[in-house]
N, C-alpha and C. Protein backbone atom coordinates (compact mmCIF):
# COMPACT_ATOMS: atom_id res chain seq x y z
N UNK A 1 156.29 -28.84 48.22
CA UNK A 1 155.56 -27.94 49.24
C UNK A 1 155.70 -26.64 48.81
N UNK A 2 156.92 -26.11 48.40
CA UNK A 2 156.91 -24.78 47.84
C UNK A 2 156.01 -24.45 46.89
N UNK A 3 155.92 -25.36 45.90
CA UNK A 3 154.88 -25.08 44.83
C UNK A 3 153.45 -24.79 45.29
N UNK A 4 153.07 -25.84 46.36
CA UNK A 4 151.81 -25.53 46.96
C UNK A 4 151.61 -24.25 47.74
N UNK A 5 152.73 -23.92 48.30
CA UNK A 5 152.72 -22.58 49.15
C UNK A 5 152.47 -21.42 48.14
N UNK A 6 153.39 -21.54 47.05
CA UNK A 6 153.20 -20.47 46.05
C UNK A 6 151.73 -20.34 45.49
N UNK A 7 151.39 -21.37 45.18
CA UNK A 7 149.95 -21.40 44.36
C UNK A 7 148.80 -21.02 45.43
N UNK A 8 149.01 -21.35 46.68
CA UNK A 8 148.07 -20.85 47.84
C UNK A 8 148.25 -19.45 47.90
N UNK A 9 149.58 -18.81 47.76
CA UNK A 9 149.68 -17.40 47.98
C UNK A 9 149.04 -16.66 46.92
N UNK A 10 149.22 -17.20 45.59
CA UNK A 10 148.54 -16.51 44.32
C UNK A 10 147.11 -16.43 44.43
N UNK A 11 146.50 -17.65 44.78
CA UNK A 11 145.14 -17.67 45.13
C UNK A 11 144.49 -16.66 46.11
N UNK A 12 145.20 -16.58 47.17
CA UNK A 12 144.94 -15.71 48.28
C UNK A 12 144.82 -14.27 47.93
N UNK A 13 145.89 -13.76 46.94
CA UNK A 13 146.05 -12.60 46.32
C UNK A 13 144.83 -12.23 45.36
N UNK A 14 144.54 -13.37 44.64
CA UNK A 14 143.29 -13.08 43.69
C UNK A 14 142.12 -12.87 44.52
N UNK A 15 141.79 -13.65 45.36
CA UNK A 15 140.67 -13.58 46.31
C UNK A 15 140.46 -12.24 46.93
N UNK A 16 141.50 -11.76 47.46
CA UNK A 16 141.68 -10.42 48.26
C UNK A 16 141.38 -9.30 47.15
N UNK A 17 141.95 -9.56 45.98
CA UNK A 17 141.62 -8.43 44.89
C UNK A 17 140.31 -8.41 44.45
N UNK A 18 139.69 -9.48 44.25
CA UNK A 18 138.32 -9.62 44.06
C UNK A 18 137.34 -9.25 45.12
N UNK A 19 137.53 -9.38 46.20
CA UNK A 19 136.79 -9.07 47.54
C UNK A 19 136.99 -7.47 47.57
N UNK A 20 138.15 -6.88 47.35
CA UNK A 20 138.24 -5.50 47.51
C UNK A 20 137.63 -4.84 46.41
N UNK A 21 137.57 -5.39 45.27
CA UNK A 21 136.77 -4.71 44.13
C UNK A 21 135.31 -4.84 44.39
N UNK A 22 134.86 -6.14 45.04
CA UNK A 22 133.33 -6.08 45.29
C UNK A 22 132.97 -5.22 46.35
N UNK A 23 133.92 -4.90 47.31
CA UNK A 23 133.58 -3.97 48.41
C UNK A 23 133.29 -2.55 47.76
N UNK A 24 134.00 -2.22 46.77
CA UNK A 24 133.76 -0.94 46.36
C UNK A 24 132.46 -0.72 45.47
N UNK A 25 131.92 -1.93 45.00
CA UNK A 25 130.75 -1.72 44.21
C UNK A 25 129.52 -1.48 45.24
N UNK A 26 128.59 -0.67 44.65
CA UNK A 26 127.31 -0.46 45.52
C UNK A 26 126.46 -1.60 45.66
N UNK A 27 126.00 -1.79 46.71
CA UNK A 27 124.89 -2.83 46.86
C UNK A 27 123.44 -2.27 47.22
N UNK A 28 122.36 -2.87 46.43
CA UNK A 28 121.35 -2.41 46.53
C UNK A 28 120.40 -3.44 46.91
N UNK A 29 119.51 -3.28 48.05
CA UNK A 29 118.63 -4.20 48.70
C UNK A 29 117.20 -3.65 48.46
N UNK A 30 116.19 -4.20 48.01
CA UNK A 30 114.70 -3.76 47.73
C UNK A 30 113.99 -4.45 48.61
N UNK A 31 113.08 -3.85 49.46
CA UNK A 31 112.09 -4.49 50.30
C UNK A 31 110.78 -4.23 49.83
N UNK A 32 109.86 -5.29 49.57
CA UNK A 32 108.63 -4.89 49.20
C UNK A 32 107.48 -5.46 50.14
N UNK A 33 107.23 -4.44 50.90
CA UNK A 33 106.17 -4.74 52.24
C UNK A 33 104.97 -5.25 51.80
N UNK A 34 104.53 -5.02 50.41
CA UNK A 34 103.12 -5.35 49.91
C UNK A 34 103.10 -6.81 49.93
N UNK A 35 104.12 -7.53 49.67
CA UNK A 35 104.14 -8.97 49.44
C UNK A 35 104.43 -9.91 50.64
N UNK A 36 103.59 -10.67 51.05
CA UNK A 36 103.76 -11.54 52.36
C UNK A 36 105.04 -12.48 52.24
N UNK A 37 105.64 -12.65 53.15
CA UNK A 37 106.76 -13.50 53.40
C UNK A 37 106.35 -14.86 53.77
N UNK A 38 107.36 -15.67 54.13
CA UNK A 38 106.99 -17.07 54.51
C UNK A 38 106.19 -17.06 56.02
N UNK A 39 105.44 -17.85 56.11
CA UNK A 39 104.63 -17.89 57.49
C UNK A 39 105.40 -19.09 58.16
N UNK A 40 105.63 -18.60 59.48
CA UNK A 40 106.04 -19.37 60.37
C UNK A 40 105.20 -20.02 61.41
N UNK A 41 104.93 -21.23 61.50
CA UNK A 41 103.90 -21.78 62.31
C UNK A 41 104.27 -21.45 63.81
N UNK A 42 103.13 -20.81 64.49
CA UNK A 42 103.36 -20.37 65.83
C UNK A 42 103.79 -21.36 66.83
N UNK A 43 103.44 -22.71 66.55
CA UNK A 43 103.58 -23.89 67.42
C UNK A 43 105.04 -24.24 67.40
N UNK A 44 105.91 -23.66 66.55
CA UNK A 44 107.40 -23.89 66.68
C UNK A 44 107.85 -23.41 67.90
N UNK A 45 107.36 -22.22 68.41
CA UNK A 45 107.68 -21.36 69.63
C UNK A 45 107.09 -22.05 70.84
N UNK A 46 106.59 -23.28 70.78
CA UNK A 46 106.01 -23.87 71.99
C UNK A 46 107.14 -24.05 73.12
N UNK A 47 106.53 -24.29 74.34
CA UNK A 47 107.40 -24.57 75.43
C UNK A 47 107.22 -26.16 76.12
N UNK A 48 107.85 -26.22 77.10
CA UNK A 48 108.12 -27.64 77.63
C UNK A 48 108.05 -27.68 79.14
N UNK A 49 107.38 -28.58 79.73
CA UNK A 49 107.35 -28.60 81.21
C UNK A 49 107.61 -30.06 81.45
N UNK A 50 108.64 -30.38 82.25
CA UNK A 50 108.98 -31.72 82.62
C UNK A 50 109.12 -31.80 84.25
N UNK A 51 108.92 -32.94 84.74
CA UNK A 51 109.02 -33.18 86.24
C UNK A 51 110.59 -33.57 86.28
N UNK A 52 111.48 -32.33 86.27
CA UNK A 52 112.85 -32.53 86.26
C UNK A 52 113.26 -31.43 87.21
N UNK A 53 114.09 -31.65 88.29
CA UNK A 53 114.41 -30.60 89.19
C UNK A 53 113.44 -29.73 89.65
N UNK A 54 113.44 -28.45 89.55
CA UNK A 54 112.34 -27.55 90.03
C UNK A 54 111.37 -26.91 89.00
N UNK A 55 111.61 -27.79 87.79
CA UNK A 55 110.77 -27.16 86.64
C UNK A 55 109.23 -27.11 86.78
N UNK A 56 108.79 -28.23 87.65
CA UNK A 56 107.32 -28.29 87.79
C UNK A 56 107.08 -27.96 89.30
N UNK A 57 107.73 -28.69 90.18
CA UNK A 57 107.35 -28.52 91.70
C UNK A 57 108.28 -27.50 92.17
N UNK A 58 107.74 -26.37 92.67
CA UNK A 58 108.47 -25.09 93.11
C UNK A 58 108.38 -24.12 91.83
N UNK A 59 108.71 -24.48 90.70
CA UNK A 59 108.59 -23.65 89.46
C UNK A 59 107.27 -23.13 89.09
N UNK A 60 106.39 -24.23 88.87
CA UNK A 60 105.16 -24.12 88.46
C UNK A 60 104.03 -24.21 89.48
N UNK A 61 104.28 -25.33 90.24
CA UNK A 61 103.26 -25.86 91.30
C UNK A 61 103.74 -25.76 92.65
N UNK A 62 103.12 -25.11 93.49
CA UNK A 62 103.56 -24.74 94.82
C UNK A 62 102.48 -25.39 95.82
N UNK A 63 101.44 -25.72 95.28
CA UNK A 63 100.11 -26.08 96.12
C UNK A 63 99.35 -25.08 96.70
N UNK A 64 98.15 -25.54 96.88
CA UNK A 64 96.99 -24.49 97.16
C UNK A 64 97.56 -23.77 98.70
N UNK A 65 98.08 -24.29 99.56
CA UNK A 65 98.28 -24.00 100.85
C UNK A 65 99.73 -23.17 100.95
N UNK A 66 100.35 -22.97 99.91
CA UNK A 66 101.61 -22.31 99.86
C UNK A 66 101.43 -20.88 100.25
N UNK A 67 102.57 -20.18 100.87
CA UNK A 67 102.57 -18.78 101.09
C UNK A 67 102.86 -17.88 99.80
N UNK A 68 103.42 -18.79 98.82
CA UNK A 68 103.67 -18.26 97.48
C UNK A 68 102.25 -17.88 96.99
N UNK A 69 101.96 -16.63 96.42
CA UNK A 69 100.72 -16.36 95.80
C UNK A 69 100.52 -17.25 94.68
N UNK A 70 99.34 -17.91 94.66
CA UNK A 70 99.00 -18.94 93.69
C UNK A 70 97.46 -19.00 93.31
N UNK A 71 97.07 -19.58 92.41
CA UNK A 71 95.72 -19.82 92.00
C UNK A 71 95.62 -21.19 91.75
N UNK A 72 94.90 -21.87 92.69
CA UNK A 72 94.57 -23.39 92.80
C UNK A 72 96.05 -24.23 92.69
N UNK A 73 97.13 -23.67 93.25
CA UNK A 73 98.17 -24.21 93.35
C UNK A 73 99.34 -23.80 92.38
N UNK A 74 98.98 -23.08 91.41
CA UNK A 74 99.82 -22.64 90.31
C UNK A 74 100.26 -21.22 90.61
N UNK A 75 101.54 -21.02 90.45
CA UNK A 75 102.17 -19.76 90.93
C UNK A 75 101.74 -18.68 90.03
N UNK A 76 101.28 -17.53 90.67
CA UNK A 76 100.52 -16.49 90.08
C UNK A 76 101.64 -15.82 89.12
N UNK A 77 103.10 -15.62 89.73
CA UNK A 77 104.07 -14.75 89.07
C UNK A 77 104.33 -15.69 87.59
N UNK A 78 104.32 -16.92 87.70
CA UNK A 78 104.77 -17.74 86.47
C UNK A 78 103.63 -17.53 85.45
N UNK A 79 102.32 -17.69 85.97
CA UNK A 79 101.32 -17.43 85.05
C UNK A 79 101.37 -16.16 84.39
N UNK A 80 101.64 -15.04 84.98
CA UNK A 80 101.71 -13.68 84.51
C UNK A 80 102.94 -13.72 83.42
N UNK A 81 103.91 -14.18 83.77
CA UNK A 81 105.04 -14.17 82.92
C UNK A 81 104.87 -14.75 81.66
N UNK A 82 104.28 -16.15 81.74
CA UNK A 82 104.00 -16.82 80.44
C UNK A 82 102.89 -16.19 79.67
N UNK A 83 101.72 -15.73 80.44
CA UNK A 83 100.71 -14.98 79.61
C UNK A 83 101.30 -13.89 78.77
N UNK A 84 102.49 -13.27 79.26
CA UNK A 84 103.05 -12.11 78.60
C UNK A 84 103.63 -12.61 77.42
N UNK A 85 104.34 -13.84 77.48
CA UNK A 85 104.88 -14.43 76.18
C UNK A 85 104.06 -14.94 75.13
N UNK A 86 102.85 -15.11 75.67
CA UNK A 86 101.90 -15.80 74.75
C UNK A 86 102.38 -16.90 74.04
N UNK A 87 102.63 -17.86 74.89
CA UNK A 87 103.12 -19.33 74.69
C UNK A 87 102.17 -20.02 73.86
N UNK A 88 102.42 -20.45 72.79
CA UNK A 88 101.46 -21.23 72.01
C UNK A 88 100.94 -22.53 72.40
N UNK A 89 101.86 -23.35 72.92
CA UNK A 89 101.53 -24.58 73.49
C UNK A 89 102.71 -24.97 74.44
N UNK A 90 102.31 -25.88 75.54
CA UNK A 90 103.17 -26.42 76.35
C UNK A 90 103.04 -28.07 76.47
N UNK A 91 104.27 -28.61 76.23
CA UNK A 91 104.41 -29.99 76.12
C UNK A 91 104.53 -30.56 77.55
N UNK A 92 103.85 -31.57 77.83
CA UNK A 92 103.92 -32.16 79.18
C UNK A 92 103.53 -33.70 79.10
N UNK A 93 103.82 -34.74 79.92
CA UNK A 93 104.81 -34.46 80.86
C UNK A 93 106.34 -34.52 80.68
N UNK A 94 106.73 -34.68 79.52
CA UNK A 94 108.08 -34.77 79.35
C UNK A 94 108.25 -34.85 77.77
N UNK A 95 109.56 -35.01 77.36
CA UNK A 95 110.73 -35.39 78.15
C UNK A 95 110.77 -36.90 78.45
N UNK A 96 112.02 -37.32 78.84
CA UNK A 96 112.13 -38.75 79.21
C UNK A 96 111.09 -39.25 80.32
N UNK A 97 110.75 -38.33 81.19
CA UNK A 97 109.66 -38.51 82.14
C UNK A 97 108.59 -39.30 81.47
N UNK A 98 108.15 -38.68 80.29
CA UNK A 98 106.87 -39.17 79.88
C UNK A 98 106.92 -40.55 79.78
N UNK A 99 107.85 -41.28 79.24
CA UNK A 99 107.90 -42.64 79.02
C UNK A 99 108.01 -43.57 80.17
N UNK A 100 107.89 -42.91 81.41
CA UNK A 100 107.67 -43.84 82.66
C UNK A 100 106.48 -43.22 83.34
N UNK A 101 105.77 -42.34 82.82
CA UNK A 101 104.66 -41.79 83.52
C UNK A 101 103.43 -42.54 83.63
N UNK A 102 102.89 -42.62 84.64
CA UNK A 102 101.59 -43.42 84.83
C UNK A 102 100.42 -42.32 85.21
N UNK A 103 99.75 -42.03 84.36
CA UNK A 103 98.78 -40.91 84.59
C UNK A 103 97.66 -41.16 85.63
N UNK A 104 97.48 -42.27 85.78
CA UNK A 104 96.39 -42.66 86.94
C UNK A 104 96.85 -42.53 88.25
N UNK A 105 98.20 -42.40 88.50
CA UNK A 105 98.77 -42.10 89.79
C UNK A 105 98.75 -40.68 90.10
N UNK A 106 98.29 -39.75 89.00
CA UNK A 106 98.29 -38.42 89.34
C UNK A 106 96.99 -37.71 89.16
N UNK A 107 95.79 -38.55 89.42
CA UNK A 107 94.47 -37.96 89.42
C UNK A 107 93.69 -38.24 90.63
N UNK A 108 92.65 -37.56 91.03
CA UNK A 108 91.75 -37.84 92.24
C UNK A 108 92.27 -37.22 93.39
N UNK A 109 91.54 -37.41 94.47
CA UNK A 109 91.87 -36.94 95.75
C UNK A 109 93.13 -37.82 96.40
N UNK A 110 93.05 -38.94 96.13
CA UNK A 110 94.16 -39.68 96.69
C UNK A 110 95.38 -40.06 95.67
N UNK A 111 96.43 -39.21 95.66
CA UNK A 111 97.39 -39.47 94.66
C UNK A 111 98.43 -40.73 95.17
N UNK A 112 98.97 -41.49 94.20
CA UNK A 112 100.00 -42.37 94.50
C UNK A 112 101.25 -41.99 94.13
N UNK A 113 102.05 -41.55 95.19
CA UNK A 113 103.43 -41.18 94.82
C UNK A 113 104.31 -42.19 94.37
N UNK A 114 105.29 -41.79 93.68
CA UNK A 114 106.28 -42.72 93.24
C UNK A 114 107.75 -42.19 93.75
N UNK A 115 108.75 -42.93 93.47
CA UNK A 115 109.97 -42.53 94.16
C UNK A 115 110.42 -41.25 93.40
N UNK A 116 110.47 -40.17 94.27
CA UNK A 116 110.96 -38.90 93.97
C UNK A 116 109.87 -38.08 93.08
N UNK A 117 108.48 -38.57 93.03
CA UNK A 117 107.60 -37.86 92.35
C UNK A 117 106.20 -38.12 93.02
N UNK A 118 105.88 -36.91 93.74
CA UNK A 118 104.56 -36.89 94.66
C UNK A 118 103.33 -37.16 93.74
N UNK A 119 103.42 -36.76 92.47
CA UNK A 119 102.16 -36.89 91.62
C UNK A 119 101.09 -35.99 92.07
N UNK A 120 101.29 -34.83 92.83
CA UNK A 120 100.52 -33.82 93.09
C UNK A 120 100.14 -32.76 91.96
N UNK A 121 101.02 -32.86 91.06
CA UNK A 121 100.80 -32.16 89.72
C UNK A 121 100.51 -33.08 88.68
N UNK A 122 99.25 -33.41 88.43
CA UNK A 122 98.81 -34.32 87.35
C UNK A 122 98.08 -33.74 86.16
N UNK A 123 97.35 -34.66 85.71
CA UNK A 123 96.38 -34.18 84.39
C UNK A 123 95.75 -32.74 84.71
N UNK A 124 94.93 -32.96 85.83
CA UNK A 124 93.84 -31.97 85.98
C UNK A 124 94.63 -30.65 86.40
N UNK A 125 95.66 -30.74 86.99
CA UNK A 125 96.50 -29.66 87.44
C UNK A 125 97.29 -29.03 86.29
N UNK A 126 97.72 -29.88 85.39
CA UNK A 126 98.42 -29.36 84.11
C UNK A 126 97.46 -28.66 83.18
N UNK A 127 96.23 -29.14 83.03
CA UNK A 127 95.24 -28.51 82.26
C UNK A 127 94.73 -27.33 82.69
N UNK A 128 94.68 -27.18 84.08
CA UNK A 128 94.25 -25.92 84.71
C UNK A 128 95.40 -24.91 84.42
N UNK A 129 96.55 -25.23 84.47
CA UNK A 129 97.74 -24.41 84.35
C UNK A 129 97.93 -23.89 82.97
N UNK A 130 97.48 -24.79 81.92
CA UNK A 130 97.57 -24.47 80.51
C UNK A 130 96.43 -23.30 80.17
N UNK A 131 95.22 -23.63 80.70
CA UNK A 131 94.19 -22.73 80.74
C UNK A 131 94.38 -21.33 81.29
N UNK A 132 95.12 -21.23 82.51
CA UNK A 132 95.47 -20.19 83.14
C UNK A 132 96.32 -19.15 82.27
N UNK A 133 97.36 -19.89 81.53
CA UNK A 133 98.19 -19.03 80.87
C UNK A 133 97.80 -18.88 79.35
N UNK A 134 96.65 -19.43 79.06
CA UNK A 134 96.01 -19.21 77.83
C UNK A 134 96.94 -19.95 76.69
N UNK A 135 97.27 -21.30 76.84
CA UNK A 135 98.06 -22.12 75.87
C UNK A 135 97.30 -23.24 75.46
N UNK A 136 97.82 -23.82 74.34
CA UNK A 136 97.16 -25.18 74.02
C UNK A 136 97.95 -26.27 74.82
N UNK A 137 97.21 -27.35 75.03
CA UNK A 137 97.87 -28.56 75.75
C UNK A 137 98.55 -29.39 74.71
N UNK A 138 99.85 -29.78 74.96
CA UNK A 138 100.48 -30.62 74.10
C UNK A 138 100.88 -31.87 74.99
N UNK A 139 100.19 -33.11 74.68
CA UNK A 139 100.31 -34.28 75.65
C UNK A 139 101.13 -35.25 75.24
N UNK A 140 102.34 -35.59 75.86
CA UNK A 140 103.20 -36.76 75.40
C UNK A 140 102.76 -38.07 76.16
N UNK A 141 102.18 -39.07 75.45
CA UNK A 141 101.90 -40.21 76.10
C UNK A 141 103.04 -41.29 76.24
N UNK A 142 102.84 -42.15 77.11
CA UNK A 142 104.02 -43.08 77.51
C UNK A 142 103.97 -44.09 76.38
N UNK A 143 104.98 -44.03 75.48
CA UNK A 143 105.21 -45.01 74.56
C UNK A 143 106.23 -46.03 74.83
N UNK A 144 107.25 -45.49 75.86
CA UNK A 144 108.33 -46.55 76.25
C UNK A 144 107.88 -47.61 77.19
N UNK A 145 107.25 -47.28 78.17
CA UNK A 145 106.77 -48.41 79.25
C UNK A 145 105.41 -48.59 79.34
N UNK A 146 104.61 -47.67 78.56
CA UNK A 146 103.09 -47.77 78.66
C UNK A 146 102.53 -48.49 77.50
N UNK A 147 101.22 -48.79 77.42
CA UNK A 147 100.56 -49.40 76.51
C UNK A 147 99.58 -48.68 75.70
N UNK A 148 99.13 -49.06 74.67
CA UNK A 148 98.13 -48.35 73.78
C UNK A 148 96.98 -48.13 74.68
N UNK A 149 96.51 -49.03 75.37
CA UNK A 149 95.49 -49.00 76.18
C UNK A 149 95.48 -47.81 77.35
N UNK A 150 96.79 -47.87 77.73
CA UNK A 150 96.95 -46.78 78.81
C UNK A 150 96.80 -45.43 78.09
N UNK A 151 97.19 -45.27 77.01
CA UNK A 151 97.09 -43.88 76.21
C UNK A 151 95.67 -43.75 75.89
N UNK A 152 95.10 -44.66 75.36
CA UNK A 152 93.59 -44.49 74.88
C UNK A 152 92.86 -44.17 76.08
N UNK A 153 92.96 -44.71 77.26
CA UNK A 153 92.22 -44.47 78.40
C UNK A 153 92.53 -42.95 79.11
N UNK A 154 93.81 -42.55 78.91
CA UNK A 154 94.11 -41.37 79.27
C UNK A 154 93.47 -40.22 78.52
N UNK A 155 93.54 -40.43 77.04
CA UNK A 155 92.85 -39.40 76.28
C UNK A 155 91.39 -39.28 76.57
N UNK A 156 90.92 -40.65 76.69
CA UNK A 156 89.42 -40.69 76.99
C UNK A 156 89.14 -39.90 78.24
N UNK A 157 89.78 -40.10 79.39
CA UNK A 157 89.68 -39.31 80.64
C UNK A 157 89.58 -37.90 80.42
N UNK A 158 90.56 -37.37 79.46
CA UNK A 158 90.83 -36.02 79.20
C UNK A 158 89.65 -35.36 78.17
N UNK A 159 89.11 -36.24 77.37
CA UNK A 159 88.15 -35.55 76.46
C UNK A 159 86.74 -36.15 76.21
N UNK A 160 86.58 -37.21 76.99
CA UNK A 160 85.16 -37.74 76.72
C UNK A 160 84.12 -37.10 77.61
N UNK A 161 82.83 -37.14 77.06
CA UNK A 161 81.71 -36.48 77.83
C UNK A 161 81.37 -37.33 79.14
N UNK A 162 80.59 -36.62 79.99
CA UNK A 162 80.37 -37.33 81.43
C UNK A 162 79.46 -38.43 81.47
N UNK A 163 78.91 -38.79 80.32
CA UNK A 163 78.16 -40.02 80.06
C UNK A 163 78.94 -41.37 79.86
N UNK A 164 80.35 -40.93 79.77
CA UNK A 164 81.33 -42.01 79.55
C UNK A 164 82.15 -42.16 81.11
N UNK A 165 82.47 -43.42 81.29
CA UNK A 165 82.90 -43.67 82.61
C UNK A 165 84.18 -42.88 83.00
N UNK A 166 85.07 -42.79 82.05
CA UNK A 166 86.29 -41.83 82.23
C UNK A 166 85.97 -40.36 82.31
N UNK A 167 84.96 -39.96 81.47
CA UNK A 167 84.52 -38.61 81.51
C UNK A 167 83.97 -38.26 82.92
N UNK A 168 83.18 -39.41 83.33
CA UNK A 168 82.46 -39.21 84.65
C UNK A 168 83.52 -38.96 85.86
N UNK A 169 84.59 -39.79 85.61
CA UNK A 169 85.60 -39.57 86.67
C UNK A 169 86.33 -38.36 86.73
N UNK A 170 86.43 -37.83 85.56
CA UNK A 170 87.10 -36.41 85.57
C UNK A 170 86.21 -35.55 86.05
N UNK A 171 84.72 -35.77 85.91
CA UNK A 171 83.95 -34.65 86.48
C UNK A 171 83.97 -34.76 88.15
N UNK A 172 84.03 -35.95 88.61
CA UNK A 172 84.15 -36.18 90.01
C UNK A 172 85.33 -35.49 90.51
N UNK A 173 86.28 -35.39 89.72
CA UNK A 173 87.66 -34.72 90.09
C UNK A 173 87.75 -33.21 89.92
N UNK A 174 86.46 -32.70 89.53
CA UNK A 174 86.26 -31.29 89.52
C UNK A 174 86.17 -30.55 88.07
N UNK A 175 86.25 -31.41 86.97
CA UNK A 175 86.15 -30.81 85.67
C UNK A 175 85.26 -31.61 84.80
N UNK A 176 84.02 -31.18 84.91
CA UNK A 176 83.00 -31.81 83.94
C UNK A 176 83.11 -31.62 82.41
N UNK A 177 83.64 -30.36 82.29
CA UNK A 177 83.84 -30.07 80.68
C UNK A 177 84.97 -30.84 80.18
N UNK A 178 84.98 -31.47 79.05
CA UNK A 178 85.99 -32.03 78.39
C UNK A 178 87.16 -31.10 78.08
N UNK A 179 88.33 -31.53 78.28
CA UNK A 179 89.55 -30.89 78.03
C UNK A 179 89.86 -30.88 76.50
N UNK A 180 90.51 -29.94 76.12
CA UNK A 180 90.98 -29.93 74.53
C UNK A 180 92.46 -30.13 74.46
N UNK A 181 92.81 -31.17 73.89
CA UNK A 181 94.27 -31.66 73.65
C UNK A 181 94.57 -31.38 72.31
N UNK A 182 95.39 -30.27 72.08
CA UNK A 182 95.59 -29.67 70.82
C UNK A 182 96.59 -30.52 70.04
N UNK A 183 97.60 -31.06 70.91
CA UNK A 183 98.65 -31.81 70.14
C UNK A 183 98.87 -33.19 70.86
N UNK A 184 99.05 -34.17 70.42
CA UNK A 184 99.36 -35.52 71.11
C UNK A 184 100.59 -35.99 70.46
N UNK A 185 101.51 -36.28 71.48
CA UNK A 185 102.85 -36.79 71.00
C UNK A 185 102.95 -38.29 71.46
N UNK A 186 103.68 -39.02 70.69
CA UNK A 186 103.75 -40.46 71.11
C UNK A 186 105.29 -40.58 71.49
N UNK A 187 105.58 -40.52 72.96
CA UNK A 187 106.92 -40.77 73.49
C UNK A 187 107.75 -39.66 73.31
N UNK A 188 109.13 -39.89 73.61
CA UNK A 188 110.16 -38.82 73.59
C UNK A 188 111.39 -39.54 73.47
N UNK A 189 112.30 -39.00 72.46
CA UNK A 189 113.42 -39.36 72.09
C UNK A 189 113.50 -41.01 72.23
N UNK A 190 112.64 -41.44 71.38
CA UNK A 190 112.40 -43.04 71.40
C UNK A 190 113.72 -43.86 70.95
N UNK A 191 114.59 -43.15 70.34
CA UNK A 191 115.61 -43.84 69.98
C UNK A 191 116.70 -44.04 71.10
N UNK A 192 116.38 -43.23 72.32
CA UNK A 192 117.52 -43.50 73.45
C UNK A 192 116.41 -43.55 74.72
N UNK A 193 116.25 -42.62 75.49
CA UNK A 193 115.69 -42.84 76.80
C UNK A 193 114.39 -43.37 76.75
N UNK A 194 113.54 -43.19 75.47
CA UNK A 194 112.25 -43.44 75.40
C UNK A 194 112.07 -44.90 74.98
N UNK A 195 113.13 -45.77 75.01
CA UNK A 195 112.81 -47.04 74.68
C UNK A 195 113.84 -47.82 73.61
N UNK A 196 114.92 -46.82 73.35
CA UNK A 196 116.07 -47.53 72.49
C UNK A 196 115.49 -48.03 71.30
N UNK A 197 114.54 -47.41 70.62
CA UNK A 197 113.67 -48.13 69.56
C UNK A 197 114.55 -47.86 68.21
N UNK A 198 114.38 -48.87 67.36
CA UNK A 198 114.82 -48.49 65.93
C UNK A 198 113.82 -47.73 65.16
N UNK A 199 114.19 -47.09 64.08
CA UNK A 199 113.17 -46.35 63.37
C UNK A 199 112.02 -47.11 62.83
N UNK A 200 112.20 -48.51 62.53
CA UNK A 200 111.10 -49.29 61.98
C UNK A 200 110.22 -49.66 63.25
N UNK A 201 110.79 -49.99 64.45
CA UNK A 201 109.99 -50.41 65.58
C UNK A 201 109.09 -49.08 65.94
N UNK A 202 109.69 -47.86 65.93
CA UNK A 202 108.88 -46.70 66.18
C UNK A 202 107.85 -46.49 65.37
N UNK A 203 108.03 -46.59 64.03
CA UNK A 203 106.88 -46.41 63.16
C UNK A 203 105.76 -47.49 63.24
N UNK A 204 106.14 -48.73 63.58
CA UNK A 204 105.06 -49.74 63.92
C UNK A 204 104.28 -49.35 65.18
N UNK A 205 105.03 -48.86 66.25
CA UNK A 205 104.29 -48.58 67.34
C UNK A 205 103.45 -47.38 67.17
N UNK A 206 104.04 -46.27 66.23
CA UNK A 206 103.22 -45.35 65.96
C UNK A 206 101.90 -45.55 65.39
N UNK A 207 101.85 -46.56 64.40
CA UNK A 207 100.74 -46.96 63.70
C UNK A 207 99.70 -47.69 64.80
N UNK A 208 100.35 -48.53 65.52
CA UNK A 208 99.51 -49.22 66.56
C UNK A 208 98.72 -48.22 67.34
N UNK A 209 99.63 -47.36 68.06
CA UNK A 209 98.90 -46.35 68.98
C UNK A 209 97.96 -45.56 68.40
N UNK A 210 98.12 -44.88 67.24
CA UNK A 210 97.18 -44.04 66.47
C UNK A 210 95.96 -44.88 66.13
N UNK A 211 95.96 -46.18 65.91
CA UNK A 211 94.76 -46.82 65.68
C UNK A 211 93.89 -46.86 66.74
N UNK A 212 94.36 -46.89 67.92
CA UNK A 212 93.51 -47.14 69.22
C UNK A 212 93.03 -45.82 69.97
N UNK A 213 94.03 -44.84 69.86
CA UNK A 213 94.14 -43.69 70.59
C UNK A 213 93.38 -42.53 69.91
N UNK A 214 92.11 -42.13 70.44
CA UNK A 214 91.35 -41.30 69.86
C UNK A 214 90.72 -40.08 70.72
N UNK A 215 90.58 -38.87 70.30
CA UNK A 215 89.80 -37.91 71.07
C UNK A 215 88.33 -37.96 71.13
N UNK A 216 87.79 -37.74 72.22
CA UNK A 216 86.28 -38.00 72.33
C UNK A 216 85.58 -36.62 72.27
N UNK A 217 86.38 -35.47 72.18
CA UNK A 217 85.89 -34.23 72.34
C UNK A 217 85.44 -33.80 70.84
N UNK A 218 84.06 -33.62 70.64
CA UNK A 218 83.60 -33.42 69.17
C UNK A 218 83.91 -31.94 68.78
N UNK A 219 84.35 -31.19 69.78
CA UNK A 219 84.84 -29.86 69.26
C UNK A 219 86.26 -29.87 68.83
N UNK A 220 86.86 -30.83 69.06
CA UNK A 220 88.45 -30.89 68.72
C UNK A 220 88.66 -32.44 68.46
N UNK A 221 88.24 -32.94 67.35
CA UNK A 221 88.51 -34.36 67.06
C UNK A 221 89.93 -34.56 66.80
N UNK A 222 90.54 -35.66 66.85
CA UNK A 222 92.03 -36.03 66.61
C UNK A 222 92.27 -37.22 65.70
């Protein structure tokens, strides 16, 4: 033990001596502003909106009849703050919530509430919110408890022209122009709350979903 202690003391003294000598040496740094550096993809700085706590209800959505200033139910102060941040994309509806979300319960004039979820903020409201703050829509489809057909029909509702049945339904709900879905995600935390999937199972599901889920918006194919 003494030998180890002595060796450690000698090593520490040598390190201190080298460090002190290095501190005395001048350090030069040259910056060449004419050469471009690494490009960081702006989408890394995207944001996230989940139906959790007051993140959506009360935070983003207050409804058209609220005394809080709003535009079509979306809070004006939140829109102003997020526009100032220049958010590149917003991911919705989750989060773990995405893997239990039924998109059909959140569209049209007659919403179908679930336990703890009024579904008054659905697809059309989210897309309106995204357009108000000037961001790209990042949709997370339900991989955990949903089907490939559910996801395919949801994307069809969002992106198909009005001569398509789902596009016509979107038009009846107030938005004849197809939406642009910039990013499509399959599930959330699929190793845990999104279905406790193994890596192999998730890859197989990803291949299956991607085979059937397509964008119908010619201006933004997927």
